[in-house]
Amino acid sequence: MNMLALHILLVPLIGIPLLGLLRRKLYRDAAVFGAVSMFGYVLWFFIVNHRPFIITIFLERVIGMINPFH
């Protein structure tokens, strides 16, 4: 039931704005929105399946890889 609720909530929240951006031909914005949304979707997917990441450590590693001054 949790997985069904996750998809019922997140698919419209991600899909409608993404389709709107694509319809207005804002492809770069759509790509950024889609990438960030999919990252959030994966995090919530594991939380719903009772396998949460330790988000702060994970985000620290991601930011450390991106930040050239780290």
PDB file of N, CA and C in Angstrom:
ATOM      1  N   MET A   1       0.826  -1.199   0.000  1.00  0.00           N
ATOM      2  CA  MET A   1       0.000   0.000   0.000  1.00  0.00           C
ATOM      3  C   MET A   1       0.865   1.256   0.000  1.00  0.00           C
ATOM      4  N   ASN A   2       2.012   1.212   0.700  1.00  0.00           N
ATOM      5  CA  ASN A   2       2.875   2.387   0.738  1.00  0.00           C
ATOM      6  C   ASN A   2       3.425   2.725  -0.636  1.00  0.00           C
ATOM      7  N   MET A   3       3.777   1.694  -1.407  1.00  0.00           N
ATOM      8  CA  MET A   3       4.315   1.942  -2.741  1.00  0.00           C
ATOM      9  C   MET A   3       3.252   2.540  -3.663  1.00  0.00           C
ATOM     10  N   LEU A   4       2.019   2.078  -3.530  1.00  0.00           N
ATOM     11  CA  LEU A   4       0.942   2.629  -4.340  1.00  0.00           C
ATOM     12  C   LEU A   4       0.721   4.100  -3.996  1.00  0.00           C
ATOM     13  N   ALA A   5       0.712   4.412  -2.707  1.00  0.00           N
ATOM     14  CA  ALA A   5       0.541   5.803  -2.283  1.00  0.00           C
ATOM     15  C   ALA A   5       1.695   6.670  -2.770  1.00  0.00           C
ATOM     16  N   LEU A   6       2.907   6.146  -2.724  1.00  0.00           N
ATOM     17  CA  LEU A   6       4.071   6.895  -3.215  1.00  0.00           C
ATOM     18  C   LEU A   6       3.895   7.256  -4.683  1.00  0.00           C
ATOM     19  N   HIS A   7       3.498   6.300  -5.495  1.00  0.00           N
ATOM     20  CA  HIS A   7       3.351   6.570  -6.919  1.00  0.00           C
ATOM     21  C   HIS A   7       2.146   7.458  -7.214  1.00  0.00           C
ATOM     22  N   ILE A   8       1.066   7.294  -6.470  1.00  0.00           N
ATOM     23  CA  ILE A   8      -0.109   8.151  -6.675  1.00  0.00           C
ATOM     24  C   ILE A   8       0.234   9.605  -6.357  1.00  0.00           C
ATOM     25  N   LEU A   9       1.082   9.825  -5.364  1.00  0.00           N
ATOM     26  CA  LEU A   9       1.450  11.192  -4.992  1.00  0.00           C
ATOM     27  C   LEU A   9       2.548  11.766  -5.889  1.00  0.00           C
ATOM     28  N   LEU A  10       3.579  10.999  -6.161  1.00  0.00           N
ATOM     29  CA  LEU A  10       4.742  11.569  -6.837  1.00  0.00           C
ATOM     30  C   LEU A  10       4.634  11.636  -8.357  1.00  0.00           C
ATOM     31  N   VAL A  11       3.936  10.714  -8.971  1.00  0.00           N
ATOM     32  CA  VAL A  11       3.855  10.737 -10.439  1.00  0.00           C
ATOM     33  C   VAL A  11       3.182  12.017 -10.934  1.00  0.00           C
ATOM     34  N   PRO A  12       2.030  12.422 -10.393  1.00  0.00           N
ATOM     35  CA  PRO A  12       1.468  13.703 -10.852  1.00  0.00           C
ATOM     36  C   PRO A  12       2.318  14.909 -10.445  1.00  0.00           C
ATOM     37  N   LEU A  13       2.930  14.858  -9.254  1.00  0.00           N
ATOM     38  CA  LEU A  13       3.738  15.989  -8.814  1.00  0.00           C
ATOM     39  C   LEU A  13       4.979  16.184  -9.674  1.00  0.00           C
ATOM     40  N   ILE A  14       5.486  15.136 -10.246  1.00  0.00           N
ATOM     41  CA  ILE A  14       6.655  15.237 -11.124  1.00  0.00           C
ATOM     42  C   ILE A  14       6.218  15.365 -12.582  1.00  0.00           C
ATOM     43  N   GLY A  15       5.235  14.590 -12.976  1.00  0.00           N
ATOM     44  CA  GLY A  15       4.846  14.522 -14.385  1.00  0.00           C
ATOM     45  C   GLY A  15       4.184  15.771 -14.925  1.00  0.00           C
ATOM     46  N   ILE A  16       3.283  16.374 -14.174  1.00  0.00           N
ATOM     47  CA  ILE A  16       2.548  17.542 -14.685  1.00  0.00           C
ATOM     48  C   ILE A  16       3.474  18.731 -14.935  1.00  0.00           C
ATOM     49  N   PRO A  17       4.319  19.116 -13.949  1.00  0.00           N
ATOM     50  CA  PRO A  17       5.235  20.230 -14.247  1.00  0.00           C
ATOM     51  C   PRO A  17       6.237  19.895 -15.352  1.00  0.00           C
ATOM     52  N   LEU A  18       6.693  18.647 -15.392  1.00  0.00           N
ATOM     53  CA  LEU A  18       7.647  18.249 -16.429  1.00  0.00           C
ATOM     54  C   LEU A  18       7.013  18.353 -17.808  1.00  0.00           C
ATOM     55  N   LEU A  19       5.788  17.895 -17.949  1.00  0.00           N
ATOM     56  CA  LEU A  19       5.094  18.009 -19.233  1.00  0.00           C
ATOM     57  C   LEU A  19       4.842  19.470 -19.600  1.00  0.00           C
ATOM     58  N   GLY A  20       4.540  20.303 -18.606  1.00  0.00           N
ATOM     59  CA  GLY A  20       4.356  21.730 -18.863  1.00  0.00           C
ATOM     60  C   GLY A  20       5.630  22.389 -19.369  1.00  0.00           C
ATOM     61  N   LEU A  21       6.762  22.034 -18.768  1.00  0.00           N
ATOM     62  CA  LEU A  21       8.039  22.579 -19.236  1.00  0.00           C
ATOM     63  C   LEU A  21       8.361  22.114 -20.647  1.00  0.00           C
ATOM     64  N   LEU A  22       8.091  20.859 -20.925  1.00  0.00           N
ATOM     65  CA  LEU A  22       8.344  20.347 -22.275  1.00  0.00           C
ATOM     66  C   LEU A  22       7.409  20.983 -23.297  1.00  0.00           C
ATOM     67  N   ARG A  23       6.165  21.220 -22.912  1.00  0.00           N
ATOM     68  CA  ARG A  23       5.206  21.831 -23.828  1.00  0.00           C
ATOM     69  C   ARG A  23       5.637  23.253 -24.192  1.00  0.00           C
ATOM     70  N   ARG A  24       6.226  23.980 -23.214  1.00  0.00           N
ATOM     71  CA  ARG A  24       6.706  25.341 -23.465  1.00  0.00           C
ATOM     72  C   ARG A  24       8.106  25.358 -24.082  1.00  0.00           C
ATOM     73  N   LYS A  25       8.625  24.186 -24.415  1.00  0.00           N
ATOM     74  CA  LYS A  25       9.932  24.011 -25.055  1.00  0.00           C
ATOM     75  C   LYS A  25      11.080  24.547 -24.196  1.00  0.00           C
ATOM     76  N   LEU A  26      10.958  24.368 -22.897  1.00  0.00           N
ATOM     77  CA  LEU A  26      12.028  24.714 -21.963  1.00  0.00           C
ATOM     78  C   LEU A  26      12.778  23.431 -21.625  1.00  0.00           C
ATOM     79  N   TYR A  27      13.531  22.944 -22.590  1.00  0.00           N
ATOM     80  CA  TYR A  27      14.151  21.629 -22.470  1.00  0.00           C
ATOM     81  C   TYR A  27      15.216  21.573 -21.386  1.00  0.00           C
ATOM     82  N   ARG A  28      15.994  22.616 -21.253  1.00  0.00           N
ATOM     83  CA  ARG A  28      17.038  22.628 -20.227  1.00  0.00           C
ATOM     84  C   ARG A  28      16.410  22.630 -18.833  1.00  0.00           C
ATOM     85  N   ASP A  29      15.376  23.452 -18.646  1.00  0.00           N
ATOM     86  CA  ASP A  29      14.676  23.472 -17.364  1.00  0.00           C
ATOM     87  C   ASP A  29      14.022  22.130 -17.065  1.00  0.00           C
ATOM     88  N   ALA A  30      13.472  21.517 -18.096  1.00  0.00           N
ATOM     89  CA  ALA A  30      12.847  20.205 -17.922  1.00  0.00           C
ATOM     90  C   ALA A  30      13.873  19.153 -17.526  1.00  0.00           C
ATOM     91  N   ALA A  31      15.072  19.232 -18.111  1.00  0.00           N
ATOM     92  CA  ALA A  31      16.116  18.263 -17.771  1.00  0.00           C
ATOM     93  C   ALA A  31      16.577  18.446 -16.327  1.00  0.00           C
ATOM     94  N   VAL A  32      16.767  19.682 -15.901  1.00  0.00           N
ATOM     95  CA  VAL A  32      17.185  19.929 -14.512  1.00  0.00           C
ATOM     96  C   VAL A  32      16.090  19.494 -13.547  1.00  0.00           C
ATOM     97  N   PHE A  33      14.851  19.860 -13.836  1.00  0.00           N
ATOM     98  CA  PHE A  33      13.733  19.464 -12.977  1.00  0.00           C
ATOM     99  C   PHE A  33      13.604  17.950 -12.913  1.00  0.00           C
ATOM    100  N   GLY A  34      13.744  17.289 -14.053  1.00  0.00           N
ATOM    101  CA  GLY A  34      13.631  15.834 -14.081  1.00  0.00           C
ATOM    102  C   GLY A  34      14.745  15.156 -13.297  1.00  0.00           C
ATOM    103  N   ALA A  35      15.969  15.676 -13.418  1.00  0.00           N
ATOM    104  CA  ALA A  35      17.096  15.078 -12.695  1.00  0.00           C
ATOM    105  C   ALA A  35      16.935  15.238 -11.184  1.00  0.00           C
ATOM    106  N   VAL A  36      16.573  16.427 -10.754  1.00  0.00           N
ATOM    107  CA  VAL A  36      16.386  16.658  -9.319  1.00  0.00           C
ATOM    108  C   VAL A  36      15.205  15.850  -8.793  1.00  0.00           C
ATOM    109  N   SER A  37      14.151  15.778  -9.575  1.00  0.00           N
ATOM    110  CA  SER A  37      12.970  15.018  -9.153  1.00  0.00           C
ATOM    111  C   SER A  37      13.275  13.527  -9.043  1.00  0.00           C
ATOM    112  N   MET A  38      14.042  13.003  -9.992  1.00  0.00           N
ATOM    113  CA  MET A  38      14.385  11.583  -9.936  1.00  0.00           C
ATOM    114  C   MET A  38      15.294  11.273  -8.743  1.00  0.00           C
ATOM    115  N   PHE A  39      16.183  12.191  -8.405  1.00  0.00           N
ATOM    116  CA  PHE A  39      17.013  12.018  -7.218  1.00  0.00           C
ATOM    117  C   PHE A  39      16.125  11.936  -5.967  1.00  0.00           C
ATOM    118  N   GLY A  40      15.170  12.845  -5.861  1.00  0.00           N
ATOM    119  CA  GLY A  40      14.236  12.817  -4.736  1.00  0.00           C
ATOM    120  C   GLY A  40      13.360  11.575  -4.749  1.00  0.00           C
ATOM    121  N   TYR A  41      12.947  11.150  -5.931  1.00  0.00           N
ATOM    122  CA  TYR A  41      12.128   9.952  -6.052  1.00  0.00           C
ATOM    123  C   TYR A  41      12.870   8.723  -5.542  1.00  0.00           C
ATOM    124  N   VAL A  42      14.140   8.602  -5.917  1.00  0.00           N
ATOM    125  CA  VAL A  42      14.936   7.452  -5.465  1.00  0.00           C
ATOM    126  C   VAL A  42      15.077   7.463  -3.945  1.00  0.00           C
ATOM    127  N   LEU A  43      15.323   8.632  -3.360  1.00  0.00           N
ATOM    128  CA  LEU A  43      15.429   8.716  -1.900  1.00  0.00           C
ATOM    129  C   LEU A  43      14.126   8.280  -1.236  1.00  0.00           C
ATOM    130  N   TRP A  44      12.989   8.793  -1.724  1.00  0.00           N
ATOM    131  CA  TRP A  44      11.712   8.409  -1.135  1.00  0.00           C
ATOM    132  C   TRP A  44      11.380   6.941  -1.383  1.00  0.00           C
ATOM    133  N   PHE A  45      11.784   6.418  -2.529  1.00  0.00           N
ATOM    134  CA  PHE A  45      11.539   5.015  -2.847  1.00  0.00           C
ATOM    135  C   PHE A  45      12.184   4.111  -1.796  1.00  0.00           C
ATOM    136  N   PHE A  46      13.431   4.392  -1.443  1.00  0.00           N
ATOM    137  CA  PHE A  46      14.108   3.575  -0.442  1.00  0.00           C
ATOM    138  C   PHE A  46      13.531   3.788   0.953  1.00  0.00           C
ATOM    139  N   ILE A  47      13.091   4.989   1.260  1.00  0.00           N
ATOM    140  CA  ILE A  47      12.475   5.239   2.565  1.00  0.00           C
ATOM    141  C   ILE A  47      11.174   4.457   2.692  1.00  0.00           C
ATOM    142  N   VAL A  48      10.367   4.447   1.638  1.00  0.00           N
ATOM    143  CA  VAL A  48       9.100   3.710   1.672  1.00  0.00           C
ATOM    144  C   VAL A  48       9.352   2.215   1.817  1.00  0.00           C
ATOM    145  N   ASN A  49      10.431   1.716   1.246  1.00  0.00           N
ATOM    146  CA  ASN A  49      10.773   0.302   1.343  1.00  0.00           C
ATOM    147  C   ASN A  49      11.539  -0.032   2.620  1.00  0.00           C
ATOM    148  N   HIS A  50      11.569   0.897   3.563  1.00  0.00           N
ATOM    149  CA  HIS A  50      12.230   0.713   4.860  1.00  0.00           C
ATOM    150  C   HIS A  50      13.726   0.454   4.712  1.00  0.00           C
ATOM    151  N   ARG A  51      14.344   1.098   3.729  1.00  0.00           N
ATOM    152  CA  ARG A  51      15.796   1.034   3.540  1.00  0.00           C
ATOM    153  C   ARG A  51      16.328   2.446   3.335  1.00  0.00           C
ATOM    154  N   PRO A  52      16.154   3.321   4.324  1.00  0.00           N
ATOM    155  CA  PRO A  52      16.554   4.720   4.099  1.00  0.00           C
ATOM    156  C   PRO A  52      18.069   4.888   4.068  1.00  0.00           C
ATOM    157  N   PHE A  53      18.489   5.839   3.288  1.00  0.00           N
ATOM    158  CA  PHE A  53      19.890   6.253   3.305  1.00  0.00           C
ATOM    159  C   PHE A  53      20.123   7.085   4.555  1.00  0.00           C
ATOM    160  N   ILE A  54      21.335   7.147   4.986  1.00  0.00           N
ATOM    161  CA  ILE A  54      21.682   8.175   5.950  1.00  0.00           C
ATOM    162  C   ILE A  54      21.927   9.403   5.091  1.00  0.00           C
ATOM    163  N   ILE A  55      20.883  10.192   4.939  1.00  0.00           N
ATOM    164  CA  ILE A  55      20.842  11.220   3.909  1.00  0.00           C
ATOM    165  C   ILE A  55      21.965  12.241   4.077  1.00  0.00           C
ATOM    166  N   THR A  56      22.275  12.617   5.292  1.00  0.00           N
ATOM    167  CA  THR A  56      23.286  13.653   5.462  1.00  0.00           C
ATOM    168  C   THR A  56      24.654  13.181   4.982  1.00  0.00           C
ATOM    169  N   ILE A  57      25.007  11.953   5.255  1.00  0.00           N
ATOM    170  CA  ILE A  57      26.298  11.430   4.796  1.00  0.00           C
ATOM    171  C   ILE A  57      26.294  11.300   3.278  1.00  0.00           C
ATOM    172  N   PHE A  58      25.190  10.833   2.725  1.00  0.00           N
ATOM    173  CA  PHE A  58      25.081  10.686   1.285  1.00  0.00           C
ATOM    174  C   PHE A  58      25.192  12.041   0.587  1.00  0.00           C
ATOM    175  N   LEU A  59      24.461  13.040   1.083  1.00  0.00           N
ATOM    176  CA  LEU A  59      24.509  14.365   0.476  1.00  0.00           C
ATOM    177  C   LEU A  59      25.882  15.001   0.641  1.00  0.00           C
ATOM    178  N   GLU A  60      26.535  14.738   1.766  1.00  0.00           N
ATOM    179  CA  GLU A  60      27.878  15.268   1.959  1.00  0.00           C
ATOM    180  C   GLU A  60      28.831  14.708   0.904  1.00  0.00           C
ATOM    181  N   ARG A  61      28.713  13.450   0.597  1.00  0.00           N
ATOM    182  CA  ARG A  61      29.571  12.841  -0.430  1.00  0.00           C
ATOM    183  C   ARG A  61      29.271  13.422  -1.802  1.00  0.00           C
ATOM    184  N   VAL A  62      28.001  13.609  -2.111  1.00  0.00           N
ATOM    185  CA  VAL A  62      27.626  14.169  -3.409  1.00  0.00           C
ATOM    186  C   VAL A  62      28.156  15.592  -3.536  1.00  0.00           C
ATOM    187  N   ILE A  63      27.957  16.404  -2.514  1.00  0.00           N
ATOM    188  CA  ILE A  63      28.434  17.787  -2.557  1.00  0.00           C
ATOM    189  C   ILE A  63      29.957  17.816  -2.608  1.00  0.00           C
ATOM    190  N   GLY A  64      30.600  16.899  -1.895  1.00  0.00           N
ATOM    191  CA  GLY A  64      32.055  16.821  -1.935  1.00  0.00           C
ATOM    192  C   GLY A  64      32.581  16.495  -3.313  1.00  0.00           C
ATOM    193  N   MET A  65      31.861  15.676  -4.083  1.00  0.00           N
ATOM    194  CA  MET A  65      32.287  15.349  -5.429  1.00  0.00           C
ATOM    195  C   MET A  65      32.089  16.533  -6.377  1.00  0.00           C
ATOM    196  N   ILE A  66      31.054  17.325  -6.126  1.00  0.00           N
ATOM    197  CA  ILE A  66      30.741  18.444  -7.001  1.00  0.00           C
ATOM    198  C   ILE A  66      31.594  19.671  -6.689  1.00  0.00           C
ATOM    199  N   ASN A  67      31.824  19.924  -5.402  1.00  0.00           N
ATOM    200  CA  ASN A  67      32.515  21.126  -4.948  1.00  0.00           C
ATOM    201  C   ASN A  67      34.019  21.024  -5.237  1.00  0.00           C
ATOM    202  N   PRO A  68      34.552  21.897  -6.103  1.00  0.00           N
ATOM    203  CA  PRO A  68      35.985  21.810  -6.415  1.00  0.00           C
ATOM    204  C   PRO A  68      36.882  22.312  -5.293  1.00  0.00           C
ATOM    205  N   PHE A  69      36.344  23.038  -4.313  1.00  0.00           N
ATOM    206  CA  PHE A  69      37.133  23.613  -3.231  1.00  0.00           C
ATOM    207  C   PHE A  69      37.154  22.737  -2.002  1.00  0.00           C
ATOM    208  N   HIS A  70      36.549  21.572  -2.066  1.00  0.00           N
ATOM    209  CA  HIS A  70      36.438  20.698  -0.877  1.00  0.00           C
ATOM    210  C   HIS A  70      37.703  19.984  -0.598  1.00  0.00           C
TER     211      HIS A  70
END
